[in-house]
């Protein structure tokens, strides 16, 4: 996944473009237990009209982390 993120992410957006953004965690959970999942948080987006995407690994999903680097 890290190779994809580094090689395929691209700048997206611009005037009159809509970008859908979300966060997610890539990892696994053994036997559907209720403990926290070990893995990597990722922040990403998709440009609606073209399907172009970006993915960025982030240390956590706090607002400070997600907003600070993008504004």
PDB file of N, CA and C in Angstrom:
ATOM      1  N   UNK A   1       0.826  -1.182   0.000  1.00  0.00           N
ATOM      2  CA  UNK A   1       0.000   0.000   0.000  1.00  0.00           C
ATOM      3  C   UNK A   1       0.875   1.251   0.000  1.00  0.00           C
ATOM      4  N   UNK A   2       1.978   1.217   0.756  1.00  0.00           N
ATOM      5  CA  UNK A   2       2.858   2.387   0.794  1.00  0.00           C
ATOM      6  C   UNK A   2       3.445   2.675  -0.584  1.00  0.00           C
ATOM      7  N   UNK A   3       3.780   1.636  -1.341  1.00  0.00           N
ATOM      8  CA  UNK A   3       4.309   1.831  -2.697  1.00  0.00           C
ATOM      9  C   UNK A   3       3.260   2.507  -3.570  1.00  0.00           C
ATOM     10  N   UNK A   4       1.998   2.074  -3.454  1.00  0.00           N
ATOM     11  CA  UNK A   4       0.926   2.704  -4.223  1.00  0.00           C
ATOM     12  C   UNK A   4       0.789   4.168  -3.850  1.00  0.00           C
ATOM     13  N   UNK A   5       0.762   4.450  -2.558  1.00  0.00           N
ATOM     14  CA  UNK A   5       0.574   5.829  -2.106  1.00  0.00           C
ATOM     15  C   UNK A   5       1.680   6.730  -2.624  1.00  0.00           C
ATOM     16  N   UNK A   6       2.906   6.233  -2.622  1.00  0.00           N
ATOM     17  CA  UNK A   6       4.023   7.056  -3.073  1.00  0.00           C
ATOM     18  C   UNK A   6       4.038   7.214  -4.587  1.00  0.00           C
ATOM     19  N   UNK A   7       3.623   6.184  -5.317  1.00  0.00           N
ATOM     20  CA  UNK A   7       3.725   6.219  -6.767  1.00  0.00           C
ATOM     21  C   UNK A   7       2.499   6.701  -7.499  1.00  0.00           C
ATOM     22  N   UNK A   8       1.317   6.588  -6.911  1.00  0.00           N
ATOM     23  CA  UNK A   8       0.082   6.876  -7.645  1.00  0.00           C
ATOM     24  C   UNK A   8      -0.691   8.078  -7.139  1.00  0.00           C
ATOM     25  N   UNK A   9      -0.351   8.620  -5.997  1.00  0.00           N
ATOM     26  CA  UNK A   9      -1.064   9.798  -5.504  1.00  0.00           C
ATOM     27  C   UNK A   9      -0.709  10.988  -6.380  1.00  0.00           C
ATOM     28  N   UNK A  10      -1.689  11.872  -6.569  1.00  0.00           N
ATOM     29  CA  UNK A  10      -1.463  13.037  -7.405  1.00  0.00           C
ATOM     30  C   UNK A  10      -2.219  14.235  -6.857  1.00  0.00           C
ATOM     31  N   UNK A  11      -1.784  15.434  -7.251  1.00  0.00           N
ATOM     32  CA  UNK A  11      -2.506  16.634  -6.847  1.00  0.00           C
ATOM     33  C   UNK A  11      -3.839  16.646  -7.565  1.00  0.00           C
ATOM     34  N   UNK A  12      -4.894  16.970  -6.814  1.00  0.00           N
ATOM     35  CA  UNK A  12      -6.225  17.005  -7.406  1.00  0.00           C
ATOM     36  C   UNK A  12      -6.930  18.274  -6.965  1.00  0.00           C
ATOM     37  N   UNK A  13      -8.040  18.580  -7.612  1.00  0.00           N
ATOM     38  CA  UNK A  13      -8.838  19.726  -7.221  1.00  0.00           C
ATOM     39  C   UNK A  13      -8.631  20.917  -8.115  1.00  0.00           C
ATOM     40  N   UNK A  14      -9.191  22.025  -7.696  1.00  0.00           N
ATOM     41  CA  UNK A  14      -9.117  23.264  -8.453  1.00  0.00           C
ATOM     42  C   UNK A  14     -10.469  23.927  -8.450  1.00  0.00           C
ATOM     43  N   UNK A  15     -10.599  25.035  -9.170  1.00  0.00           N
ATOM     44  CA  UNK A  15     -11.867  25.750  -9.221  1.00  0.00           C
ATOM     45  C   UNK A  15     -12.989  24.859  -9.764  1.00  0.00           C
ATOM     46  N   UNK A  16     -14.129  24.894  -9.112  1.00  0.00           N
ATOM     47  CA  UNK A  16     -15.332  24.175  -9.527  1.00  0.00           C
ATOM     48  C   UNK A  16     -15.185  22.650  -9.536  1.00  0.00           C
ATOM     49  N   UNK A  17     -14.217  22.109  -8.808  1.00  0.00           N
ATOM     50  CA  UNK A  17     -14.058  20.655  -8.681  1.00  0.00           C
ATOM     51  C   UNK A  17     -14.506  20.233  -7.294  1.00  0.00           C
ATOM     52  N   UNK A  18     -15.171  19.093  -7.214  1.00  0.00           N
ATOM     53  CA  UNK A  18     -15.598  18.548  -5.933  1.00  0.00           C
ATOM     54  C   UNK A  18     -14.689  17.392  -5.569  1.00  0.00           C
ATOM     55  N   UNK A  19     -14.145  17.439  -4.346  1.00  0.00           N
ATOM     56  CA  UNK A  19     -13.269  16.387  -3.844  1.00  0.00           C
ATOM     57  C   UNK A  19     -13.946  15.736  -2.652  1.00  0.00           C
ATOM     58  N   UNK A  20     -14.079  14.434  -2.691  1.00  0.00           N
ATOM     59  CA  UNK A  20     -14.606  13.683  -1.556  1.00  0.00           C
ATOM     60  C   UNK A  20     -13.417  13.189  -0.755  1.00  0.00           C
ATOM     61  N   UNK A  21     -13.385  13.503   0.567  1.00  0.00           N
ATOM     62  CA  UNK A  21     -12.256  13.102   1.395  1.00  0.00           C
ATOM     63  C   UNK A  21     -12.737  12.227   2.542  1.00  0.00           C
ATOM     64  N   UNK A  22     -11.826  11.391   3.038  1.00  0.00           N
ATOM     65  CA  UNK A  22     -12.139  10.520   4.163  1.00  0.00           C
ATOM     66  C   UNK A  22     -10.829  10.037   4.762  1.00  0.00           C
ATOM     67  N   UNK A  23     -10.947   9.399   5.899  1.00  0.00           N
ATOM     68  CA  UNK A  23      -9.796   8.789   6.558  1.00  0.00           C
ATOM     69  C   UNK A  23     -10.110   7.319   6.760  1.00  0.00           C
ATOM     70  N   UNK A  24      -9.082   6.523   6.886  1.00  0.00           N
ATOM     71  CA  UNK A  24      -9.274   5.098   7.127  1.00  0.00           C
ATOM     72  C   UNK A  24      -8.026   4.516   7.739  1.00  0.00           C
ATOM     73  N   UNK A  25      -8.125   3.293   8.178  1.00  0.00           N
ATOM     74  CA  UNK A  25      -6.974   2.629   8.783  1.00  0.00           C
ATOM     75  C   UNK A  25      -6.758   1.302   8.082  1.00  0.00           C
ATOM     76  N   UNK A  26      -5.546   1.101   7.592  1.00  0.00           N
ATOM     77  CA  UNK A  26      -5.173  -0.154   6.977  1.00  0.00           C
ATOM     78  C   UNK A  26      -4.524  -1.011   8.047  1.00  0.00           C
ATOM     79  N   UNK A  27      -5.117  -2.149   8.327  1.00  0.00           N
ATOM     80  CA  UNK A  27      -4.602  -3.046   9.350  1.00  0.00           C
ATOM     81  C   UNK A  27      -5.452  -4.297   9.394  1.00  0.00           C
ATOM     82  N   UNK A  28      -5.294  -5.072  10.452  1.00  0.00           N
ATOM     83  CA  UNK A  28      -6.082  -6.290  10.584  1.00  0.00           C
ATOM     84  C   UNK A  28      -6.453  -6.513  12.035  1.00  0.00           C
ATOM     85  N   UNK A  29      -7.504  -7.279  12.225  1.00  0.00           N
ATOM     86  CA  UNK A  29      -8.000  -7.598  13.555  1.00  0.00           C
ATOM     87  C   UNK A  29      -8.225  -9.105  13.605  1.00  0.00           C
ATOM     88  N   UNK A  30      -7.568  -9.788  14.509  1.00  0.00           N
ATOM     89  CA  UNK A  30      -7.634 -11.241  14.585  1.00  0.00           C
ATOM     90  C   UNK A  30      -8.916 -11.692  15.279  1.00  0.00           C
ATOM     91  N   UNK A  31      -9.671 -12.547  14.627  1.00  0.00           N
ATOM     92  CA  UNK A  31     -10.868 -13.177  15.191  1.00  0.00           C
ATOM     93  C   UNK A  31     -11.924 -12.170  15.641  1.00  0.00           C
ATOM     94  N   UNK A  32     -11.997 -11.016  15.008  1.00  0.00           N
ATOM     95  CA  UNK A  32     -13.009  -9.996  15.336  1.00  0.00           C
ATOM     96  C   UNK A  32     -13.064  -9.646  16.817  1.00  0.00           C
ATOM     97  N   UNK A  33     -11.937  -9.592  17.464  1.00  0.00           N
ATOM     98  CA  UNK A  33     -11.875  -9.185  18.870  1.00  0.00           C
ATOM     99  C   UNK A  33     -12.136  -7.688  18.978  1.00  0.00           C
ATOM    100  N   UNK A  34     -12.473  -7.220  20.178  1.00  0.00           N
ATOM    101  CA  UNK A  34     -12.809  -5.821  20.381  1.00  0.00           C
ATOM    102  C   UNK A  34     -11.634  -4.913  20.681  1.00  0.00           C
ATOM    103  N   UNK A  35     -10.415  -5.383  20.526  1.00  0.00           N
ATOM    104  CA  UNK A  35      -9.245  -4.547  20.826  1.00  0.00           C
ATOM    105  C   UNK A  35      -8.899  -3.650  19.652  1.00  0.00           C
ATOM    106  N   UNK A  36      -8.140  -2.578  19.900  1.00  0.00           N
ATOM    107  CA  UNK A  36      -7.763  -1.671  18.812  1.00  0.00           C
ATOM    108  C   UNK A  36      -6.974  -2.396  17.720  1.00  0.00           C
ATOM    109  N   UNK A  37      -7.186  -1.977  16.498  1.00  0.00           N
ATOM    110  CA  UNK A  37      -6.501  -2.571  15.350  1.00  0.00           C
ATOM    111  C   UNK A  37      -5.148  -1.892  15.161  1.00  0.00           C
ATOM    112  N   UNK A  38      -4.096  -2.700  14.987  1.00  0.00           N
ATOM    113  CA  UNK A  38      -2.776  -2.158  14.656  1.00  0.00           C
ATOM    114  C   UNK A  38      -2.755  -1.891  13.155  1.00  0.00           C
ATOM    115  N   UNK A  39      -2.215  -0.769  12.764  1.00  0.00           N
ATOM    116  CA  UNK A  39      -2.157  -0.445  11.345  1.00  0.00           C
ATOM    117  C   UNK A  39      -1.765   0.997  11.115  1.00  0.00           C
ATOM    118  N   UNK A  40      -1.978   1.453   9.901  1.00  0.00           N
ATOM    119  CA  UNK A  40      -1.588   2.795   9.475  1.00  0.00           C
ATOM    120  C   UNK A  40      -2.820   3.614   9.111  1.00  0.00           C
ATOM    121  N   UNK A  41      -2.961   4.803   9.714  1.00  0.00           N
ATOM    122  CA  UNK A  41      -4.023   5.727   9.337  1.00  0.00           C
ATOM    123  C   UNK A  41      -3.669   6.365   8.007  1.00  0.00           C
ATOM    124  N   UNK A  42      -4.676   6.559   7.159  1.00  0.00           N
ATOM    125  CA  UNK A  42      -4.485   7.146   5.837  1.00  0.00           C
ATOM    126  C   UNK A  42      -5.566   8.196   5.608  1.00  0.00           C
ATOM    127  N   UNK A  43      -5.172   9.339   5.060  1.00  0.00           N
ATOM    128  CA  UNK A  43      -6.088  10.411   4.679  1.00  0.00           C
ATOM    129  C   UNK A  43      -6.082  10.452   3.162  1.00  0.00           C
ATOM    130  N   UNK A  44      -7.262  10.474   2.546  1.00  0.00           N
ATOM    131  CA  UNK A  44      -7.296  10.441   1.091  1.00  0.00           C
ATOM    132  C   UNK A  44      -8.485  11.153   0.512  1.00  0.00           C
ATOM    133  N   UNK A  45      -8.481  11.279  -0.804  1.00  0.00           N
ATOM    134  CA  UNK A  45      -9.566  11.933  -1.496  1.00  0.00           C
ATOM    135  C   UNK A  45      -9.689  11.468  -2.929  1.00  0.00           C
ATOM    136  N   UNK A  46     -10.881  11.689  -3.490  1.00  0.00           N
ATOM    137  CA  UNK A  46     -11.174  11.339  -4.879  1.00  0.00           C
ATOM    138  C   UNK A  46     -11.812  12.545  -5.551  1.00  0.00           C
ATOM    139  N   UNK A  47     -11.318  12.892  -6.715  1.00  0.00           N
ATOM    140  CA  UNK A  47     -11.905  13.962  -7.512  1.00  0.00           C
ATOM    141  C   UNK A  47     -13.096  13.377  -8.261  1.00  0.00           C
ATOM    142  N   UNK A  48     -14.289  13.941  -8.065  1.00  0.00           N
ATOM    143  CA  UNK A  48     -15.515  13.342  -8.585  1.00  0.00           C
ATOM    144  C   UNK A  48     -15.529  13.147 -10.095  1.00  0.00           C
ATOM    145  N   UNK A  49     -15.185  14.144 -10.856  1.00  0.00           N
ATOM    146  CA  UNK A  49     -15.369  14.058 -12.309  1.00  0.00           C
ATOM    147  C   UNK A  49     -14.307  13.222 -13.006  1.00  0.00           C
ATOM    148  N   UNK A  50     -13.104  13.115 -12.422  1.00  0.00           N
ATOM    149  CA  UNK A  50     -12.030  12.390 -13.115  1.00  0.00           C
ATOM    150  C   UNK A  50     -11.674  11.055 -12.471  1.00  0.00           C
ATOM    151  N   UNK A  51     -11.995  10.902 -11.172  1.00  0.00           N
ATOM    152  CA  UNK A  51     -11.611   9.676 -10.475  1.00  0.00           C
ATOM    153  C   UNK A  51     -10.174   9.679  -9.981  1.00  0.00           C
ATOM    154  N   UNK A  52      -9.440  10.799 -10.193  1.00  0.00           N
ATOM    155  CA  UNK A  52      -8.063  10.872  -9.696  1.00  0.00           C
ATOM    156  C   UNK A  52      -8.080  10.881  -8.174  1.00  0.00           C
ATOM    157  N   UNK A  53      -7.043  10.319  -7.566  1.00  0.00           N
ATOM    158  CA  UNK A  53      -7.029  10.159  -6.112  1.00  0.00           C
ATOM    159  C   UNK A  53      -5.719  10.621  -5.505  1.00  0.00           C
ATOM    160  N   UNK A  54      -5.763  10.803  -4.178  1.00  0.00           N
ATOM    161  CA  UNK A  54      -4.544  10.970  -3.395  1.00  0.00           C
ATOM    162  C   UNK A  54      -4.710  10.196  -2.099  1.00  0.00           C
ATOM    163  N   UNK A  55      -3.632   9.668  -1.584  1.00  0.00           N
ATOM    164  CA  UNK A  55      -3.583   8.989  -0.293  1.00  0.00           C
ATOM    165  C   UNK A  55      -2.327   9.438   0.429  1.00  0.00           C
ATOM    166  N   UNK A  56      -2.479   9.777   1.711  1.00  0.00           N
ATOM    167  CA  UNK A  56      -1.349  10.262   2.499  1.00  0.00           C
ATOM    168  C   UNK A  56      -1.359   9.543   3.847  1.00  0.00           C
ATOM    169  N   UNK A  57      -0.266   8.875   4.218  1.00  0.00           N
ATOM    170  CA  UNK A  57      -0.221   8.280   5.556  1.00  0.00           C
ATOM    171  C   UNK A  57      -0.137   9.377   6.612  1.00  0.00           C
ATOM    172  N   UNK A  58      -0.907   9.234   7.690  1.00  0.00           N
ATOM    173  CA  UNK A  58      -0.905  10.197   8.792  1.00  0.00           C
ATOM    174  C   UNK A  58      -0.727   9.441  10.106  1.00  0.00           C
ATOM    175  N   UNK A  59      -0.136  10.082  11.118  1.00  0.00           N
ATOM    176  CA  UNK A  59       0.122   9.381  12.373  1.00  0.00           C
ATOM    177  C   UNK A  59      -1.130   9.064  13.191  1.00  0.00           C
ATOM    178  N   UNK A  60      -2.172   9.892  13.049  1.00  0.00           N
ATOM    179  CA  UNK A  60      -3.416   9.664  13.795  1.00  0.00           C
ATOM    180  C   UNK A  60      -4.545  10.384  13.077  1.00  0.00           C
ATOM    181  N   UNK A  61      -5.757  10.294  13.612  1.00  0.00           N
ATOM    182  CA  UNK A  61      -6.912  10.880  12.939  1.00  0.00           C
ATOM    183  C   UNK A  61      -7.468  12.107  13.650  1.00  0.00           C
ATOM    184  N   UNK A  62      -6.665  12.734  14.455  1.00  0.00           N
ATOM    185  CA  UNK A  62      -7.129  13.926  15.164  1.00  0.00           C
ATOM    186  C   UNK A  62      -7.311  15.097  14.197  1.00  0.00           C
ATOM    187  N   UNK A  63      -8.186  16.028  14.576  1.00  0.00           N
ATOM    188  CA  UNK A  63      -8.431  17.201  13.740  1.00  0.00           C
ATOM    189  C   UNK A  63      -7.151  18.007  13.541  1.00  0.00           C
ATOM    190  N   UNK A  64      -6.348  18.127  14.592  1.00  0.00           N
ATOM    191  CA  UNK A  64      -5.096  18.884  14.467  1.00  0.00           C
ATOM    192  C   UNK A  64      -4.196  18.290  13.391  1.00  0.00           C
ATOM    193  N   UNK A  65      -4.106  16.992  13.333  1.00  0.00           N
ATOM    194  CA  UNK A  65      -3.263  16.330  12.331  1.00  0.00           C
ATOM    195  C   UNK A  65      -3.843  16.517  10.939  1.00  0.00           C
ATOM    196  N   UNK A  66      -5.141  16.282  10.770  1.00  0.00           N
ATOM    197  CA  UNK A  66      -5.751  16.309   9.443  1.00  0.00           C
ATOM    198  C   UNK A  66      -5.884  17.723   8.891  1.00  0.00           C
ATOM    199  N   UNK A  67      -6.139  18.716   9.731  1.00  0.00           N
ATOM    200  CA  UNK A  67      -6.320  20.086   9.247  1.00  0.00           C
ATOM    201  C   UNK A  67      -5.003  20.834   9.164  1.00  0.00           C
ATOM    202  N   UNK A  68      -4.122  20.684  10.117  1.00  0.00           N
ATOM    203  CA  UNK A  68      -2.885  21.466  10.208  1.00  0.00           C
ATOM    204  C   UNK A  68      -2.051  21.383   8.923  1.00  0.00           C
ATOM    205  N   UNK A  69      -1.878  20.200   8.379  1.00  0.00           N
ATOM    206  CA  UNK A  69      -1.005  20.023   7.214  1.00  0.00           C
ATOM    207  C   UNK A  69      -1.660  20.434   5.898  1.00  0.00           C
ATOM    208  N   UNK A  70      -2.963  20.684   5.885  1.00  0.00           N
ATOM    209  CA  UNK A  70      -3.651  20.913   4.616  1.00  0.00           C
ATOM    210  C   UNK A  70      -4.110  22.356   4.438  1.00  0.00           C
ATOM    211  N   UNK A  71      -4.018  23.160   5.469  1.00  0.00           N
ATOM    212  CA  UNK A  71      -4.483  24.551   5.333  1.00  0.00           C
ATOM    213  C   UNK A  71      -3.297  25.481   5.207  1.00  0.00           C
TER     214      UNK A  71
END
